[in-house]
Amino acid sequence: MLLVPREYDIHVPLNYNDGSAVEARRFQKLQAALLSHFTGLTVLPQPNKGFWKKRGVIFQDEIVIYRVISWKPGSSRRFLKQLRTTLESDFRQEKILIIERAVRAL
């Protein structure tokens, strides 16, 4: 059976919903957690804008993206589901977006 690696993007806001900046220690904690589970990670530190609509109101966030690759999608999904719950609490968010996609390494 051919294993297909998975790539995960974790979208993390730079600010709490009240507009105040998220403390650097929260990002350091996230990075440490990702490095404890995955063999490496990439941080896309340039601010990206995220938009979403809820009950007719458009919201906007500035986010950074953490990217990891895994050859073990089952354990990675379980880890990331638990991590998402922690991040939603730490970053005071209703939802933290984590995207999974199959990738091919060259």
N, C-alpha and C. Protein backbone atom coordinates (compact mmCIF):
# COMPACT_ATOMS: atom_id res chain seq x y z
N MET A 1 0.84 -1.18 0.00
CA MET A 1 0.00 0.00 0.00
C MET A 1 0.89 1.25 0.00
N LEU A 2 0.62 2.16 -0.91
CA LEU A 2 1.38 3.39 -1.04
C LEU A 2 0.84 4.44 -0.07
N LEU A 3 1.72 4.94 0.77
CA LEU A 3 1.32 5.98 1.72
C LEU A 3 1.37 7.34 1.04
N VAL A 4 0.32 8.11 1.24
CA VAL A 4 0.24 9.46 0.69
C VAL A 4 0.37 10.44 1.85
N PRO A 5 1.40 11.27 1.81
CA PRO A 5 1.54 12.24 2.91
C PRO A 5 0.40 13.25 2.90
N ARG A 6 0.12 13.80 4.06
CA ARG A 6 -0.90 14.84 4.23
C ARG A 6 -0.22 16.12 4.69
N GLU A 7 -0.72 17.20 4.18
CA GLU A 7 -0.25 18.52 4.59
C GLU A 7 -1.37 19.19 5.36
N TYR A 8 -1.02 19.83 6.46
CA TYR A 8 -2.00 20.50 7.30
C TYR A 8 -1.61 21.97 7.46
N ASP A 9 -2.57 22.84 7.25
CA ASP A 9 -2.39 24.27 7.50
C ASP A 9 -3.25 24.65 8.70
N ILE A 10 -2.62 25.26 9.70
CA ILE A 10 -3.32 25.71 10.90
C ILE A 10 -3.36 27.24 10.83
N HIS A 11 -4.56 27.80 10.71
CA HIS A 11 -4.76 29.24 10.59
C HIS A 11 -4.97 29.83 11.98
N VAL A 12 -4.06 30.70 12.39
CA VAL A 12 -4.07 31.22 13.75
C VAL A 12 -4.17 32.75 13.72
N PRO A 13 -5.11 33.32 14.47
CA PRO A 13 -5.27 34.78 14.47
C PRO A 13 -4.14 35.48 15.23
N LEU A 14 -3.80 36.67 14.77
CA LEU A 14 -2.80 37.48 15.45
C LEU A 14 -3.40 38.29 16.60
N ASN A 15 -4.72 38.46 16.56
CA ASN A 15 -5.40 39.26 17.58
C ASN A 15 -6.59 38.51 18.16
N TYR A 16 -6.88 38.81 19.41
CA TYR A 16 -8.11 38.31 20.01
C TYR A 16 -9.29 39.05 19.38
N ASN A 17 -10.48 38.59 19.64
CA ASN A 17 -11.67 39.22 19.07
C ASN A 17 -11.87 40.65 19.53
N ASP A 18 -11.28 41.03 20.68
CA ASP A 18 -11.41 42.41 21.15
C ASP A 18 -10.38 43.34 20.49
N GLY A 19 -9.54 42.78 19.61
CA GLY A 19 -8.56 43.58 18.89
C GLY A 19 -7.18 43.60 19.51
N SER A 20 -7.05 43.13 20.75
CA SER A 20 -5.73 43.12 21.39
C SER A 20 -4.86 42.00 20.81
N ALA A 21 -3.56 42.23 20.80
CA ALA A 21 -2.62 41.28 20.21
C ALA A 21 -2.50 40.01 21.06
N VAL A 22 -2.44 38.89 20.38
CA VAL A 22 -2.18 37.62 21.05
C VAL A 22 -0.72 37.63 21.49
N GLU A 23 -0.46 37.20 22.72
CA GLU A 23 0.88 37.20 23.28
C GLU A 23 1.78 36.22 22.53
N ALA A 24 3.07 36.57 22.44
CA ALA A 24 4.05 35.74 21.74
C ALA A 24 4.14 34.34 22.34
N ARG A 25 3.94 34.23 23.65
CA ARG A 25 4.06 32.92 24.30
C ARG A 25 3.04 31.92 23.76
N ARG A 26 1.88 32.38 23.30
CA ARG A 26 0.87 31.48 22.74
C ARG A 26 1.38 30.85 21.44
N PHE A 27 2.06 31.67 20.63
CA PHE A 27 2.62 31.15 19.38
C PHE A 27 3.79 30.21 19.65
N GLN A 28 4.59 30.53 20.67
CA GLN A 28 5.70 29.67 21.05
C GLN A 28 5.19 28.31 21.55
N LYS A 29 4.10 28.34 22.32
CA LYS A 29 3.49 27.10 22.82
C LYS A 29 2.97 26.26 21.65
N LEU A 30 2.35 26.90 20.67
CA LEU A 30 1.85 26.19 19.50
C LEU A 30 3.01 25.56 18.74
N GLN A 31 4.06 26.33 18.51
CA GLN A 31 5.21 25.81 17.78
C GLN A 31 5.82 24.61 18.50
N ALA A 32 5.94 24.69 19.80
CA ALA A 32 6.50 23.58 20.58
C ALA A 32 5.61 22.33 20.47
N ALA A 33 4.30 22.52 20.52
CA ALA A 33 3.38 21.39 20.40
C ALA A 33 3.49 20.73 19.02
N LEU A 34 3.59 21.55 17.99
CA LEU A 34 3.71 20.99 16.63
C LEU A 34 5.03 20.25 16.46
N LEU A 35 6.10 20.82 16.98
CA LEU A 35 7.41 20.15 16.86
C LEU A 35 7.48 18.88 17.70
N SER A 36 6.69 18.78 18.75
CA SER A 36 6.68 17.56 19.55
C SER A 36 6.00 16.41 18.82
N HIS A 37 5.10 16.74 17.88
CA HIS A 37 4.37 15.68 17.17
C HIS A 37 4.92 15.45 15.76
N PHE A 38 5.29 16.51 15.08
CA PHE A 38 5.76 16.40 13.71
C PHE A 38 7.27 16.59 13.68
N THR A 39 7.91 16.15 12.62
CA THR A 39 9.37 16.26 12.54
C THR A 39 9.83 17.64 12.10
N GLY A 40 8.93 18.46 11.67
CA GLY A 40 9.28 19.82 11.26
C GLY A 40 8.02 20.63 11.01
N LEU A 41 8.19 21.91 10.79
CA LEU A 41 7.05 22.77 10.48
C LEU A 41 7.54 23.98 9.72
N THR A 42 6.63 24.60 9.03
CA THR A 42 6.89 25.84 8.33
C THR A 42 5.91 26.87 8.86
N VAL A 43 6.42 28.06 9.14
CA VAL A 43 5.56 29.15 9.56
C VAL A 43 5.52 30.14 8.41
N LEU A 44 4.31 30.49 8.00
CA LEU A 44 4.12 31.51 6.97
C LEU A 44 3.78 32.79 7.74
N PRO A 45 4.82 33.55 8.15
CA PRO A 45 4.63 34.62 9.12
C PRO A 45 4.00 35.90 8.57
N GLN A 46 3.99 36.06 7.26
CA GLN A 46 3.39 37.29 6.73
C GLN A 46 1.91 37.28 7.08
N PRO A 47 1.41 38.41 7.55
CA PRO A 47 -0.02 38.45 7.89
C PRO A 47 -0.89 38.20 6.66
N ASN A 48 -1.85 37.32 6.83
CA ASN A 48 -2.86 37.04 5.82
C ASN A 48 -4.19 37.50 6.37
N LYS A 49 -5.07 37.90 5.50
CA LYS A 49 -6.40 38.31 5.95
C LYS A 49 -7.37 37.16 5.74
N GLY A 50 -8.14 36.89 6.77
CA GLY A 50 -9.20 35.89 6.69
C GLY A 50 -10.55 36.57 6.85
N PHE A 51 -11.50 36.19 6.04
CA PHE A 51 -12.84 36.75 6.11
C PHE A 51 -13.84 35.62 6.27
N TRP A 52 -14.90 35.85 7.01
CA TRP A 52 -15.99 34.90 7.09
C TRP A 52 -17.27 35.64 7.39
N LYS A 53 -18.36 34.99 7.07
CA LYS A 53 -19.67 35.61 7.22
C LYS A 53 -20.51 34.78 8.19
N LYS A 54 -21.14 35.47 9.13
CA LYS A 54 -21.99 34.79 10.10
C LYS A 54 -23.20 35.67 10.37
N ARG A 55 -24.38 35.11 10.15
CA ARG A 55 -25.64 35.84 10.35
C ARG A 55 -25.66 37.18 9.62
N GLY A 56 -25.13 37.18 8.40
CA GLY A 56 -25.14 38.37 7.57
C GLY A 56 -24.08 39.40 7.89
N VAL A 57 -23.23 39.13 8.88
CA VAL A 57 -22.16 40.06 9.26
C VAL A 57 -20.84 39.49 8.77
N ILE A 58 -20.03 40.35 8.14
CA ILE A 58 -18.72 39.92 7.66
C ILE A 58 -17.67 40.26 8.72
N PHE A 59 -16.89 39.25 9.09
CA PHE A 59 -15.81 39.40 10.06
C PHE A 59 -14.47 39.27 9.34
N GLN A 60 -13.44 39.84 9.96
CA GLN A 60 -12.11 39.81 9.36
C GLN A 60 -11.07 39.57 10.44
N ASP A 61 -10.08 38.76 10.13
CA ASP A 61 -8.95 38.49 11.02
C ASP A 61 -7.66 38.64 10.24
N GLU A 62 -6.60 38.97 10.94
CA GLU A 62 -5.27 38.80 10.39
C GLU A 62 -4.74 37.52 11.01
N ILE A 63 -4.20 36.66 10.16
CA ILE A 63 -3.76 35.34 10.62
C ILE A 63 -2.34 35.05 10.14
N VAL A 64 -1.71 34.10 10.80
CA VAL A 64 -0.51 33.46 10.30
C VAL A 64 -0.85 31.99 10.12
N ILE A 65 -0.07 31.33 9.28
CA ILE A 65 -0.35 29.93 8.97
C ILE A 65 0.85 29.08 9.35
N TYR A 66 0.58 28.02 10.09
CA TYR A 66 1.58 27.01 10.42
C TYR A 66 1.30 25.80 9.53
N ARG A 67 2.33 25.29 8.87
CA ARG A 67 2.15 24.15 7.95
C ARG A 67 3.03 22.99 8.41
N VAL A 68 2.42 21.82 8.45
CA VAL A 68 3.14 20.59 8.79
C VAL A 68 2.77 19.51 7.78
N ILE A 69 3.65 18.52 7.65
CA ILE A 69 3.41 17.38 6.77
C ILE A 69 3.53 16.12 7.60
N SER A 70 2.66 15.16 7.32
CA SER A 70 2.65 13.91 8.07
C SER A 70 2.49 12.72 7.13
N TRP A 71 3.22 11.65 7.45
CA TRP A 71 3.05 10.39 6.76
C TRP A 71 2.11 9.47 7.54
N LYS A 72 1.60 9.96 8.68
CA LYS A 72 0.70 9.19 9.55
C LYS A 72 -0.56 10.00 9.77
N PRO A 73 -1.46 10.05 8.77
CA PRO A 73 -2.62 10.93 8.89
C PRO A 73 -3.56 10.58 10.04
N GLY A 74 -3.69 9.33 10.40
CA GLY A 74 -4.60 8.95 11.49
C GLY A 74 -4.20 9.58 12.80
N SER A 75 -2.94 9.37 13.20
CA SER A 75 -2.49 9.95 14.47
C SER A 75 -2.40 11.47 14.38
N SER A 76 -2.09 11.99 13.20
CA SER A 76 -2.01 13.45 13.04
C SER A 76 -3.38 14.09 13.17
N ARG A 77 -4.40 13.46 12.61
CA ARG A 77 -5.76 14.00 12.75
C ARG A 77 -6.18 14.03 14.21
N ARG A 78 -5.92 12.95 14.93
CA ARG A 78 -6.28 12.90 16.35
C ARG A 78 -5.55 14.00 17.11
N PHE A 79 -4.26 14.14 16.87
CA PHE A 79 -3.47 15.18 17.53
C PHE A 79 -4.01 16.57 17.21
N LEU A 80 -4.29 16.82 15.94
CA LEU A 80 -4.73 18.16 15.53
C LEU A 80 -6.14 18.48 16.03
N LYS A 81 -7.00 17.49 16.16
CA LYS A 81 -8.33 17.74 16.73
C LYS A 81 -8.21 18.18 18.19
N GLN A 82 -7.33 17.52 18.94
CA GLN A 82 -7.10 17.93 20.33
C GLN A 82 -6.45 19.31 20.39
N LEU A 83 -5.47 19.53 19.52
CA LEU A 83 -4.79 20.82 19.48
C LEU A 83 -5.76 21.94 19.14
N ARG A 84 -6.67 21.69 18.19
CA ARG A 84 -7.64 22.72 17.81
C ARG A 84 -8.47 23.16 19.02
N THR A 85 -8.90 22.23 19.84
CA THR A 85 -9.67 22.56 21.04
C THR A 85 -8.85 23.45 21.97
N THR A 86 -7.59 23.12 22.16
CA THR A 86 -6.70 23.93 22.99
C THR A 86 -6.52 25.33 22.40
N LEU A 87 -6.29 25.39 21.09
CA LEU A 87 -6.08 26.67 20.43
C LEU A 87 -7.32 27.55 20.51
N GLU A 88 -8.48 26.96 20.33
CA GLU A 88 -9.72 27.74 20.40
C GLU A 88 -9.86 28.39 21.78
N SER A 89 -9.44 27.69 22.80
CA SER A 89 -9.47 28.25 24.15
C SER A 89 -8.37 29.30 24.34
N ASP A 90 -7.14 28.94 23.98
CA ASP A 90 -6.00 29.84 24.18
C ASP A 90 -6.13 31.14 23.38
N PHE A 91 -6.66 31.03 22.15
CA PHE A 91 -6.77 32.20 21.29
C PHE A 91 -8.17 32.83 21.34
N ARG A 92 -9.02 32.28 22.23
CA ARG A 92 -10.37 32.81 22.45
C ARG A 92 -11.18 32.91 21.16
N GLN A 93 -11.22 31.78 20.43
CA GLN A 93 -11.90 31.73 19.14
C GLN A 93 -13.00 30.69 19.16
N GLU A 94 -14.07 30.95 18.41
CA GLU A 94 -15.10 29.92 18.24
C GLU A 94 -14.55 28.74 17.49
N LYS A 95 -13.79 29.01 16.43
CA LYS A 95 -13.21 27.96 15.61
C LYS A 95 -11.82 28.37 15.15
N ILE A 96 -10.93 27.42 15.12
CA ILE A 96 -9.62 27.56 14.48
C ILE A 96 -9.68 26.66 13.24
N LEU A 97 -9.33 27.23 12.10
CA LEU A 97 -9.38 26.49 10.85
C LEU A 97 -8.11 25.68 10.67
N ILE A 98 -8.29 24.39 10.42
CA ILE A 98 -7.17 23.50 10.07
C ILE A 98 -7.57 22.80 8.77
N ILE A 99 -6.71 22.91 7.77
CA ILE A 99 -6.98 22.34 6.47
C ILE A 99 -6.07 21.15 6.24
N GLU A 100 -6.63 20.08 5.70
CA GLU A 100 -5.85 18.87 5.37
C GLU A 100 -5.94 18.65 3.86
N ARG A 101 -4.80 18.30 3.28
CA ARG A 101 -4.81 17.93 1.87
C ARG A 101 -3.72 16.89 1.59
N ALA A 102 -4.00 16.04 0.62
CA ALA A 102 -3.01 15.06 0.17
C ALA A 102 -1.96 15.80 -0.65
N VAL A 103 -0.71 15.41 -0.47
CA VAL A 103 0.37 16.02 -1.23
C VAL A 103 1.29 14.95 -1.80
N ARG A 104 2.05 15.36 -2.78
CA ARG A 104 3.08 14.48 -3.35
C ARG A 104 4.41 15.18 -3.20
N ALA A 105 5.36 14.51 -2.58
CA ALA A 105 6.70 15.06 -2.43
C ALA A 105 7.52 14.65 -3.64
N LEU A 106 8.29 15.56 -4.15
CA LEU A 106 9.14 15.26 -5.33
C LEU A 106 10.53 14.86 -4.88
